[in-house]
Amino acid sequence: MAKLIALYKTPKDKDAFDRYYHATHIPLAKKIPGLRKYDISKGGVNTPAGPSDFHLVATLQFDSVAAIQSALGSPEGQATAGDLANFADGGVDLLVFDTVEV
């Protein structure tokens, strides 16, 4: 299994971010080919010491890193990536990695 983690930094308008993310971005992302599972954080994103600089964390699971790379290159992946500029004004960090169960 491989994952793409999107770490969304706190936006200027949290309510507008949330409305757009749920109404527009999630439906776009769910069309990405090869997507096996997609979940997002609920409530605040904190550190053990308290609040973080992140507003939302999304985890997308695929069969492999190669599958993620292929998915991001697809028209659906390109549309989803292009959509980030429409709502993620606080910035977003994308991390891609393979996983192993321990």
PDB file of N, CA and C in Angstrom:
ATOM      1  N   MET A   1       0.849  -1.172   0.000  1.00  0.00           N
ATOM      2  CA  MET A   1       0.000   0.000   0.000  1.00  0.00           C
ATOM      3  C   MET A   1       0.899   1.241   0.000  1.00  0.00           C
ATOM      4  N   ALA A   2       0.444   2.290  -0.645  1.00  0.00           N
ATOM      5  CA  ALA A   2       1.164   3.563  -0.664  1.00  0.00           C
ATOM      6  C   ALA A   2       0.168   4.671  -0.343  1.00  0.00           C
ATOM      7  N   LYS A   3       0.701   5.761   0.185  1.00  0.00           N
ATOM      8  CA  LYS A   3      -0.172   6.862   0.601  1.00  0.00           C
ATOM      9  C   LYS A   3       0.312   8.194   0.056  1.00  0.00           C
ATOM     10  N   LEU A   4      -0.651   9.052  -0.197  1.00  0.00           N
ATOM     11  CA  LEU A   4      -0.403  10.452  -0.464  1.00  0.00           C
ATOM     12  C   LEU A   4      -1.067  11.195   0.688  1.00  0.00           C
ATOM     13  N   ILE A   5      -0.279  11.950   1.431  1.00  0.00           N
ATOM     14  CA  ILE A   5      -0.793  12.729   2.546  1.00  0.00           C
ATOM     15  C   ILE A   5      -0.776  14.198   2.128  1.00  0.00           C
ATOM     16  N   ALA A   6      -1.911  14.871   2.268  1.00  0.00           N
ATOM     17  CA  ALA A   6      -2.003  16.308   2.000  1.00  0.00           C
ATOM     18  C   ALA A   6      -2.185  17.015   3.340  1.00  0.00           C
ATOM     19  N   LEU A   7      -1.216  17.859   3.679  1.00  0.00           N
ATOM     20  CA  LEU A   7      -1.249  18.618   4.929  1.00  0.00           C
ATOM     21  C   LEU A   7      -1.619  20.060   4.590  1.00  0.00           C
ATOM     22  N   TYR A   8      -2.863  20.418   4.821  1.00  0.00           N
ATOM     23  CA  TYR A   8      -3.360  21.755   4.497  1.00  0.00           C
ATOM     24  C   TYR A   8      -3.111  22.699   5.662  1.00  0.00           C
ATOM     25  N   LYS A   9      -2.335  23.741   5.402  1.00  0.00           N
ATOM     26  CA  LYS A   9      -2.057  24.740   6.425  1.00  0.00           C
ATOM     27  C   LYS A   9      -3.297  25.607   6.628  1.00  0.00           C
ATOM     28  N   THR A  10      -3.363  26.276   7.758  1.00  0.00           N
ATOM     29  CA  THR A  10      -4.542  27.054   8.113  1.00  0.00           C
ATOM     30  C   THR A  10      -4.824  28.119   7.055  1.00  0.00           C
ATOM     31  N   PRO A  11      -6.030  28.082   6.465  1.00  0.00           N
ATOM     32  CA  PRO A  11      -6.398  29.056   5.436  1.00  0.00           C
ATOM     33  C   PRO A  11      -6.838  30.385   6.052  1.00  0.00           C
ATOM     34  N   LYS A  12      -6.977  31.387   5.200  1.00  0.00           N
ATOM     35  CA  LYS A  12      -7.441  32.705   5.658  1.00  0.00           C
ATOM     36  C   LYS A  12      -8.862  32.620   6.194  1.00  0.00           C
ATOM     37  N   ASP A  13      -9.714  31.847   5.521  1.00  0.00           N
ATOM     38  CA  ASP A  13     -11.119  31.701   5.920  1.00  0.00           C
ATOM     39  C   ASP A  13     -11.424  30.201   6.043  1.00  0.00           C
ATOM     40  N   LYS A  14     -11.420  29.706   7.274  1.00  0.00           N
ATOM     41  CA  LYS A  14     -11.614  28.268   7.507  1.00  0.00           C
ATOM     42  C   LYS A  14     -12.971  27.767   7.009  1.00  0.00           C
ATOM     43  N   ASP A  15     -14.027  28.558   7.230  1.00  0.00           N
ATOM     44  CA  ASP A  15     -15.358  28.122   6.807  1.00  0.00           C
ATOM     45  C   ASP A  15     -15.449  28.023   5.287  1.00  0.00           C
ATOM     46  N   ALA A  16     -14.895  29.002   4.575  1.00  0.00           N
ATOM     47  CA  ALA A  16     -14.914  28.966   3.111  1.00  0.00           C
ATOM     48  C   ALA A  16     -14.093  27.776   2.605  1.00  0.00           C
ATOM     49  N   PHE A  17     -12.945  27.535   3.230  1.00  0.00           N
ATOM     50  CA  PHE A  17     -12.116  26.373   2.879  1.00  0.00           C
ATOM     51  C   PHE A  17     -12.938  25.102   3.022  1.00  0.00           C
ATOM     52  N   ASP A  18     -13.559  24.917   4.177  1.00  0.00           N
ATOM     53  CA  ASP A  18     -14.312  23.692   4.442  1.00  0.00           C
ATOM     54  C   ASP A  18     -15.458  23.506   3.457  1.00  0.00           C
ATOM     55  N   ARG A  19     -16.207  24.566   3.166  1.00  0.00           N
ATOM     56  CA  ARG A  19     -17.311  24.464   2.217  1.00  0.00           C
ATOM     57  C   ARG A  19     -16.797  24.032   0.841  1.00  0.00           C
ATOM     58  N   TYR A  20     -15.754  24.694   0.361  1.00  0.00           N
ATOM     59  CA  TYR A  20     -15.207  24.378  -0.957  1.00  0.00           C
ATOM     60  C   TYR A  20     -14.620  22.973  -0.981  1.00  0.00           C
ATOM     61  N   TYR A  21     -13.875  22.635   0.042  1.00  0.00           N
ATOM     62  CA  TYR A  21     -13.238  21.319   0.089  1.00  0.00           C
ATOM     63  C   TYR A  21     -14.276  20.208  -0.017  1.00  0.00           C
ATOM     64  N   HIS A  22     -15.336  20.314   0.771  1.00  0.00           N
ATOM     65  CA  HIS A  22     -16.353  19.262   0.795  1.00  0.00           C
ATOM     66  C   HIS A  22     -17.210  19.257  -0.473  1.00  0.00           C
ATOM     67  N   ALA A  23     -17.578  20.428  -0.985  1.00  0.00           N
ATOM     68  CA  ALA A  23     -18.482  20.499  -2.130  1.00  0.00           C
ATOM     69  C   ALA A  23     -17.780  20.266  -3.469  1.00  0.00           C
ATOM     70  N   THR A  24     -16.513  20.665  -3.568  1.00  0.00           N
ATOM     71  CA  THR A  24     -15.828  20.637  -4.868  1.00  0.00           C
ATOM     72  C   THR A  24     -14.606  19.729  -4.901  1.00  0.00           C
ATOM     73  N   HIS A  25     -13.705  19.886  -3.924  1.00  0.00           N
ATOM     74  CA  HIS A  25     -12.438  19.164  -4.012  1.00  0.00           C
ATOM     75  C   HIS A  25     -12.593  17.661  -3.754  1.00  0.00           C
ATOM     76  N   ILE A  26     -13.351  17.285  -2.772  1.00  0.00           N
ATOM     77  CA  ILE A  26     -13.548  15.852  -2.491  1.00  0.00           C
ATOM     78  C   ILE A  26     -14.131  15.133  -3.709  1.00  0.00           C
ATOM     79  N   PRO A  27     -15.204  15.646  -4.327  1.00  0.00           N
ATOM     80  CA  PRO A  27     -15.714  14.949  -5.516  1.00  0.00           C
ATOM     81  C   PRO A  27     -14.682  14.830  -6.643  1.00  0.00           C
ATOM     82  N   LEU A  28     -13.835  15.852  -6.828  1.00  0.00           N
ATOM     83  CA  LEU A  28     -12.774  15.760  -7.830  1.00  0.00           C
ATOM     84  C   LEU A  28     -11.792  14.648  -7.472  1.00  0.00           C
ATOM     85  N   ALA A  29     -11.325  14.643  -6.231  1.00  0.00           N
ATOM     86  CA  ALA A  29     -10.313  13.678  -5.798  1.00  0.00           C
ATOM     87  C   ALA A  29     -10.835  12.246  -5.869  1.00  0.00           C
ATOM     88  N   LYS A  30     -12.106  12.048  -5.597  1.00  0.00           N
ATOM     89  CA  LYS A  30     -12.670  10.696  -5.621  1.00  0.00           C
ATOM     90  C   LYS A  30     -12.692  10.092  -7.022  1.00  0.00           C
ATOM     91  N   LYS A  31     -12.485  10.914  -8.052  1.00  0.00           N
ATOM     92  CA  LYS A  31     -12.451  10.427  -9.430  1.00  0.00           C
ATOM     93  C   LYS A  31     -11.047   9.997  -9.867  1.00  0.00           C
ATOM     94  N   ILE A  32     -10.039  10.203  -9.022  1.00  0.00           N
ATOM     95  CA  ILE A  32      -8.666   9.864  -9.390  1.00  0.00           C
ATOM     96  C   ILE A  32      -8.554   8.341  -9.570  1.00  0.00           C
ATOM     97  N   PRO A  33      -8.065   7.900 -10.721  1.00  0.00           N
ATOM     98  CA  PRO A  33      -7.965   6.454 -10.949  1.00  0.00           C
ATOM     99  C   PRO A  33      -6.987   5.779  -9.994  1.00  0.00           C
ATOM    100  N   GLY A  34      -7.393   4.596  -9.538  1.00  0.00           N
ATOM    101  CA  GLY A  34      -6.531   3.816  -8.651  1.00  0.00           C
ATOM    102  C   GLY A  34      -6.673   4.157  -7.178  1.00  0.00           C
ATOM    103  N   LEU A  35      -7.483   5.157  -6.841  1.00  0.00           N
ATOM    104  CA  LEU A  35      -7.686   5.530  -5.443  1.00  0.00           C
ATOM    105  C   LEU A  35      -8.403   4.398  -4.717  1.00  0.00           C
ATOM    106  N   ARG A  36      -7.795   3.889  -3.645  1.00  0.00           N
ATOM    107  CA  ARG A  36      -8.372   2.780  -2.885  1.00  0.00           C
ATOM    108  C   ARG A  36      -9.139   3.241  -1.644  1.00  0.00           C
ATOM    109  N   LYS A  37      -8.651   4.293  -1.010  1.00  0.00           N
ATOM    110  CA  LYS A  37      -9.280   4.792   0.215  1.00  0.00           C
ATOM    111  C   LYS A  37      -8.917   6.264   0.355  1.00  0.00           C
ATOM    112  N   TYR A  38      -9.830   7.045   0.910  1.00  0.00           N
ATOM    113  CA  TYR A  38      -9.633   8.486   1.059  1.00  0.00           C
ATOM    114  C   TYR A  38     -10.277   8.890   2.369  1.00  0.00           C
ATOM    115  N   ASP A  39      -9.484   9.420   3.280  1.00  0.00           N
ATOM    116  CA  ASP A  39     -10.069   9.929   4.516  1.00  0.00           C
ATOM    117  C   ASP A  39      -9.426  11.260   4.874  1.00  0.00           C
ATOM    118  N   ILE A  40     -10.150  12.013   5.701  1.00  0.00           N
ATOM    119  CA  ILE A  40      -9.663  13.328   6.133  1.00  0.00           C
ATOM    120  C   ILE A  40      -9.782  13.437   7.647  1.00  0.00           C
ATOM    121  N   SER A  41      -9.011  14.354   8.189  1.00  0.00           N
ATOM    122  CA  SER A  41      -9.072  14.593   9.629  1.00  0.00           C
ATOM    123  C   SER A  41     -10.416  15.216   9.993  1.00  0.00           C
ATOM    124  N   LYS A  42     -10.821  14.997  11.223  1.00  0.00           N
ATOM    125  CA  LYS A  42     -12.065  15.549  11.745  1.00  0.00           C
ATOM    126  C   LYS A  42     -11.711  16.374  12.978  1.00  0.00           C
ATOM    127  N   GLY A  43     -12.144  17.599  13.003  1.00  0.00           N
ATOM    128  CA  GLY A  43     -11.806  18.457  14.127  1.00  0.00           C
ATOM    129  C   GLY A  43     -10.426  19.055  13.949  1.00  0.00           C
ATOM    130  N   GLY A  44      -9.890  19.590  14.999  1.00  0.00           N
ATOM    131  CA  GLY A  44      -8.586  20.246  14.949  1.00  0.00           C
ATOM    132  C   GLY A  44      -7.442  19.276  14.707  1.00  0.00           C
ATOM    133  N   VAL A  45      -6.386  19.781  14.084  1.00  0.00           N
ATOM    134  CA  VAL A  45      -5.158  19.007  13.889  1.00  0.00           C
ATOM    135  C   VAL A  45      -4.156  19.541  14.901  1.00  0.00           C
ATOM    136  N   ASN A  46      -3.807  18.714  15.861  1.00  0.00           N
ATOM    137  CA  ASN A  46      -2.972  19.151  16.973  1.00  0.00           C
ATOM    138  C   ASN A  46      -1.658  18.383  17.039  1.00  0.00           C
ATOM    139  N   THR A  47      -0.747  18.929  17.803  1.00  0.00           N
ATOM    140  CA  THR A  47       0.484  18.249  18.178  1.00  0.00           C
ATOM    141  C   THR A  47       0.304  17.807  19.628  1.00  0.00           C
ATOM    142  N   PRO A  48       1.200  17.001  20.173  1.00  0.00           N
ATOM    143  CA  PRO A  48       1.088  16.656  21.591  1.00  0.00           C
ATOM    144  C   PRO A  48       1.131  17.893  22.503  1.00  0.00           C
ATOM    145  N   ALA A  49       1.733  18.968  22.014  1.00  0.00           N
ATOM    146  CA  ALA A  49       1.841  20.193  22.812  1.00  0.00           C
ATOM    147  C   ALA A  49       0.671  21.153  22.611  1.00  0.00           C
ATOM    148  N   GLY A  50      -0.231  20.850  21.671  1.00  0.00           N
ATOM    149  CA  GLY A  50      -1.369  21.733  21.432  1.00  0.00           C
ATOM    150  C   GLY A  50      -1.622  21.947  19.951  1.00  0.00           C
ATOM    151  N   PRO A  51      -2.282  23.052  19.605  1.00  0.00           N
ATOM    152  CA  PRO A  51      -2.647  23.319  18.209  1.00  0.00           C
ATOM    153  C   PRO A  51      -1.444  23.337  17.264  1.00  0.00           C
ATOM    154  N   SER A  52      -1.703  22.946  16.008  1.00  0.00           N
ATOM    155  CA  SER A  52      -0.663  22.962  14.973  1.00  0.00           C
ATOM    156  C   SER A  52      -0.974  24.065  13.963  1.00  0.00           C
ATOM    157  N   ASP A  53      -0.128  24.185  12.961  1.00  0.00           N
ATOM    158  CA  ASP A  53      -0.347  25.135  11.870  1.00  0.00           C
ATOM    159  C   ASP A  53      -1.207  24.532  10.767  1.00  0.00           C
ATOM    160  N   PHE A  54      -1.702  23.312  10.977  1.00  0.00           N
ATOM    161  CA  PHE A  54      -2.477  22.626   9.955  1.00  0.00           C
ATOM    162  C   PHE A  54      -3.963  22.669  10.266  1.00  0.00           C
ATOM    163  N   HIS A  55      -4.741  22.826   9.212  1.00  0.00           N
ATOM    164  CA  HIS A  55      -6.203  22.880   9.343  1.00  0.00           C
ATOM    165  C   HIS A  55      -6.832  21.522   9.052  1.00  0.00           C
ATOM    166  N   LEU A  56      -6.259  20.805   8.082  1.00  0.00           N
ATOM    167  CA  LEU A  56      -6.856  19.544   7.659  1.00  0.00           C
ATOM    168  C   LEU A  56      -5.768  18.632   7.104  1.00  0.00           C
ATOM    169  N   VAL A  57      -5.929  17.347   7.343  1.00  0.00           N
ATOM    170  CA  VAL A  57      -5.025  16.335   6.800  1.00  0.00           C
ATOM    171  C   VAL A  57      -5.869  15.350   5.991  1.00  0.00           C
ATOM    172  N   ALA A  58      -5.474  15.121   4.740  1.00  0.00           N
ATOM    173  CA  ALA A  58      -6.150  14.144   3.890  1.00  0.00           C
ATOM    174  C   ALA A  58      -5.183  13.003   3.594  1.00  0.00           C
ATOM    175  N   THR A  59      -5.684  11.787   3.656  1.00  0.00           N
ATOM    176  CA  THR A  59      -4.886  10.598   3.357  1.00  0.00           C
ATOM    177  C   THR A  59      -5.549   9.846   2.213  1.00  0.00           C
ATOM    178  N   LEU A  60      -4.805   9.692   1.132  1.00  0.00           N
ATOM    179  CA  LEU A  60      -5.291   8.951  -0.031  1.00  0.00           C
ATOM    180  C   LEU A  60      -4.425   7.712  -0.192  1.00  0.00           C
ATOM    181  N   GLN A  61      -5.058   6.549  -0.307  1.00  0.00           N
ATOM    182  CA  GLN A  61      -4.319   5.292  -0.409  1.00  0.00           C
ATOM    183  C   GLN A  61      -4.424   4.704  -1.811  1.00  0.00           C
ATOM    184  N   PHE A  62      -3.304   4.169  -2.274  1.00  0.00           N
ATOM    185  CA  PHE A  62      -3.179   3.556  -3.590  1.00  0.00           C
ATOM    186  C   PHE A  62      -2.402   2.249  -3.432  1.00  0.00           C
ATOM    187  N   ASP A  63      -2.319   1.466  -4.501  1.00  0.00           N
ATOM    188  CA  ASP A  63      -1.606   0.193  -4.448  1.00  0.00           C
ATOM    189  C   ASP A  63      -0.094   0.362  -4.333  1.00  0.00           C
ATOM    190  N   SER A  64       0.457   1.436  -4.923  1.00  0.00           N
ATOM    191  CA  SER A  64       1.907   1.629  -4.937  1.00  0.00           C
ATOM    192  C   SER A  64       2.228   3.092  -5.226  1.00  0.00           C
ATOM    193  N   VAL A  65       3.488   3.468  -5.016  1.00  0.00           N
ATOM    194  CA  VAL A  65       3.927   4.812  -5.377  1.00  0.00           C
ATOM    195  C   VAL A  65       3.792   5.010  -6.884  1.00  0.00           C
ATOM    196  N   ALA A  66       4.076   3.982  -7.651  1.00  0.00           N
ATOM    197  CA  ALA A  66       3.909   4.069  -9.108  1.00  0.00           C
ATOM    198  C   ALA A  66       2.448   4.358  -9.465  1.00  0.00           C
ATOM    199  N   ALA A  67       1.523   3.755  -8.736  1.00  0.00           N
ATOM    200  CA  ALA A  67       0.097   4.005  -8.975  1.00  0.00           C
ATOM    201  C   ALA A  67      -0.257   5.457  -8.644  1.00  0.00           C
ATOM    202  N   ILE A  68       0.353   6.008  -7.596  1.00  0.00           N
ATOM    203  CA  ILE A  68       0.121   7.419  -7.249  1.00  0.00           C
ATOM    204  C   ILE A  68       0.648   8.310  -8.367  1.00  0.00           C
ATOM    205  N   GLN A  69       1.850   8.029  -8.826  1.00  0.00           N
ATOM    206  CA  GLN A  69       2.443   8.843  -9.892  1.00  0.00           C
ATOM    207  C   GLN A  69       1.594   8.785 -11.155  1.00  0.00           C
ATOM    208  N   SER A  70       1.104   7.614 -11.502  1.00  0.00           N
ATOM    209  CA  SER A  70       0.243   7.458 -12.661  1.00  0.00           C
ATOM    210  C   SER A  70      -1.071   8.212 -12.460  1.00  0.00           C
ATOM    211  N   ALA A  71      -1.641   8.090 -11.272  1.00  0.00           N
ATOM    212  CA  ALA A  71      -2.907   8.754 -10.958  1.00  0.00           C
ATOM    213  C   ALA A  71      -2.768  10.270 -11.040  1.00  0.00           C
ATOM    214  N   LEU A  72      -1.669  10.802 -10.528  1.00  0.00           N
ATOM    215  CA  LEU A  72      -1.464  12.249 -10.558  1.00  0.00           C
ATOM    216  C   LEU A  72      -1.253  12.756 -11.977  1.00  0.00           C
ATOM    217  N   GLY A  73      -0.769  11.905 -12.857  1.00  0.00           N
ATOM    218  CA  GLY A  73      -0.573  12.286 -14.244  1.00  0.00           C
ATOM    219  C   GLY A  73      -1.826  12.173 -15.098  1.00  0.00           C
ATOM    220  N   SER A  74      -2.850  11.550 -14.563  1.00  0.00           N
ATOM    221  CA  SER A  74      -4.104  11.377 -15.300  1.00  0.00           C
ATOM    222  C   SER A  74      -4.855  12.711 -15.382  1.00  0.00           C
ATOM    223  N   PRO A  75      -5.813  12.832 -16.296  1.00  0.00           N
ATOM    224  CA  PRO A  75      -6.616  14.060 -16.359  1.00  0.00           C
ATOM    225  C   PRO A  75      -7.317  14.366 -15.035  1.00  0.00           C
ATOM    226  N   GLU A  76      -7.814  13.322 -14.355  1.00  0.00           N
ATOM    227  CA  GLU A  76      -8.492  13.521 -13.070  1.00  0.00           C
ATOM    228  C   GLU A  76      -7.508  13.984 -11.996  1.00  0.00           C
ATOM    229  N   GLY A  77      -6.309  13.417 -12.001  1.00  0.00           N
ATOM    230  CA  GLY A  77      -5.282  13.829 -11.047  1.00  0.00           C
ATOM    231  C   GLY A  77      -4.831  15.256 -11.300  1.00  0.00           C
ATOM    232  N   GLN A  78      -4.673  15.608 -12.576  1.00  0.00           N
ATOM    233  CA  GLN A  78      -4.273  16.972 -12.934  1.00  0.00           C
ATOM    234  C   GLN A  78      -5.360  17.970 -12.546  1.00  0.00           C
ATOM    235  N   ALA A  79      -6.630  17.617 -12.736  1.00  0.00           N
ATOM    236  CA  ALA A  79      -7.733  18.505 -12.349  1.00  0.00           C
ATOM    237  C   ALA A  79      -7.755  18.705 -10.839  1.00  0.00           C
ATOM    238  N   THR A  80      -7.517  17.641 -10.087  1.00  0.00           N
ATOM    239  CA  THR A  80      -7.514  17.726  -8.627  1.00  0.00           C
ATOM    240  C   THR A  80      -6.344  18.578  -8.144  1.00  0.00           C
ATOM    241  N   ALA A  81      -5.164  18.356  -8.696  1.00  0.00           N
ATOM    242  CA  ALA A  81      -3.989  19.154  -8.320  1.00  0.00           C
ATOM    243  C   ALA A  81      -4.181  20.615  -8.705  1.00  0.00           C
ATOM    244  N   GLY A  82      -4.750  20.856  -9.871  1.00  0.00           N
ATOM    245  CA  GLY A  82      -4.994  22.226 -10.311  1.00  0.00           C
ATOM    246  C   GLY A  82      -6.006  22.951  -9.453  1.00  0.00           C
ATOM    247  N   ASP A  83      -6.881  22.204  -8.818  1.00  0.00           N
ATOM    248  CA  ASP A  83      -7.924  22.796  -7.975  1.00  0.00           C
ATOM    249  C   ASP A  83      -7.359  23.361  -6.667  1.00  0.00           C
ATOM    250  N   LEU A  84      -6.182  22.913  -6.245  1.00  0.00           N
ATOM    251  CA  LEU A  84      -5.612  23.379  -4.967  1.00  0.00           C
ATOM    252  C   LEU A  84      -5.523  24.897  -4.904  1.00  0.00           C
ATOM    253  N   ALA A  85      -5.186  25.534  -6.005  1.00  0.00           N
ATOM    254  CA  ALA A  85      -5.045  26.997  -6.024  1.00  0.00           C
ATOM    255  C   ALA A  85      -6.366  27.709  -5.771  1.00  0.00           C
ATOM    256  N   ASN A  86      -7.489  27.004  -5.925  1.00  0.00           N
ATOM    257  CA  ASN A  86      -8.803  27.618  -5.750  1.00  0.00           C
ATOM    258  C   ASN A  86      -9.235  27.755  -4.298  1.00  0.00           C
ATOM    259  N   PHE A  87      -8.557  27.056  -3.373  1.00  0.00           N
ATOM    260  CA  PHE A  87      -9.021  27.097  -1.985  1.00  0.00           C
ATOM    261  C   PHE A  87      -7.919  26.992  -0.941  1.00  0.00           C
ATOM    262  N   ALA A  88      -6.763  26.441  -1.272  1.00  0.00           N
ATOM    263  CA  ALA A  88      -5.710  26.181  -0.278  1.00  0.00           C
ATOM    264  C   ALA A  88      -4.775  27.391  -0.167  1.00  0.00           C
ATOM    265  N   ASP A  89      -5.335  28.553   0.212  1.00  0.00           N
ATOM    266  CA  ASP A  89      -4.533  29.772   0.257  1.00  0.00           C
ATOM    267  C   ASP A  89      -3.527  29.809   1.404  1.00  0.00           C
ATOM    268  N   GLY A  90      -3.646  28.892   2.349  1.00  0.00           N
ATOM    269  CA  GLY A  90      -2.661  28.797   3.426  1.00  0.00           C
ATOM    270  C   GLY A  90      -1.462  27.944   3.037  1.00  0.00           C
ATOM    271  N   GLY A  91      -1.598  27.219   1.932  1.00  0.00           N
ATOM    272  CA  GLY A  91      -0.544  26.320   1.471  1.00  0.00           C
ATOM    273  C   GLY A  91      -0.884  24.880   1.787  1.00  0.00           C
ATOM    274  N   VAL A  92      -0.223  23.984   1.080  1.00  0.00           N
ATOM    275  CA  VAL A  92      -0.428  22.552   1.288  1.00  0.00           C
ATOM    276  C   VAL A  92       0.886  21.839   1.023  1.00  0.00           C
ATOM    277  N   ASP A  93       1.218  20.885   1.872  1.00  0.00           N
ATOM    278  CA  ASP A  93       2.379  20.022   1.680  1.00  0.00           C
ATOM    279  C   ASP A  93       1.857  18.650   1.272  1.00  0.00           C
ATOM    280  N   LEU A  94       2.424  18.081   0.204  1.00  0.00           N
ATOM    281  CA  LEU A  94       2.041  16.755  -0.263  1.00  0.00           C
ATOM    282  C   LEU A  94       3.189  15.791  -0.026  1.00  0.00           C
ATOM    283  N   LEU A  95       2.907  14.675   0.623  1.00  0.00           N
ATOM    284  CA  LEU A  95       3.899  13.654   0.913  1.00  0.00           C
ATOM    285  C   LEU A  95       3.447  12.343   0.278  1.00  0.00           C
ATOM    286  N   VAL A  96       4.364  11.621  -0.356  1.00  0.00           N
ATOM    287  CA  VAL A  96       4.057  10.357  -1.017  1.00  0.00           C
ATOM    288  C   VAL A  96       5.035   9.306  -0.516  1.00  0.00           C
ATOM    289  N   PHE A  97       4.514   8.139  -0.114  1.00  0.00           N
ATOM    290  CA  PHE A  97       5.393   7.086   0.409  1.00  0.00           C
ATOM    291  C   PHE A  97       4.714   5.725   0.382  1.00  0.00           C
ATOM    292  N   ASP A  98       5.550   4.679   0.352  1.00  0.00           N
ATOM    293  CA  ASP A  98       5.085   3.300   0.511  1.00  0.00           C
ATOM    294  C   ASP A  98       4.914   3.016   1.992  1.00  0.00           C
ATOM    295  N   THR A  99       4.064   2.062   2.307  1.00  0.00           N
ATOM    296  CA  THR A  99       3.878   1.663   3.697  1.00  0.00           C
ATOM    297  C   THR A  99       4.115   0.164   3.826  1.00  0.00           C
ATOM    298  N   VAL A 100       4.387  -0.248   5.043  1.00  0.00           N
ATOM    299  CA  VAL A 100       4.486  -1.661   5.384  1.00  0.00           C
ATOM    300  C   VAL A 100       3.823  -1.833   6.752  1.00  0.00           C
ATOM    301  N   GLU A 101       3.034  -2.857   6.893  1.00  0.00           N
ATOM    302  CA  GLU A 101       2.382  -3.112   8.173  1.00  0.00           C
ATOM    303  C   GLU A 101       3.397  -3.728   9.134  1.00  0.00           C
ATOM    304  N   VAL A 102       3.410  -3.252  10.352  1.00  0.00           N
ATOM    305  CA  VAL A 102       4.338  -3.774  11.359  1.00  0.00           C
ATOM    306  C   VAL A 102       3.609  -4.332  12.554  1.00  0.00           C
TER     307      VAL A 102
END
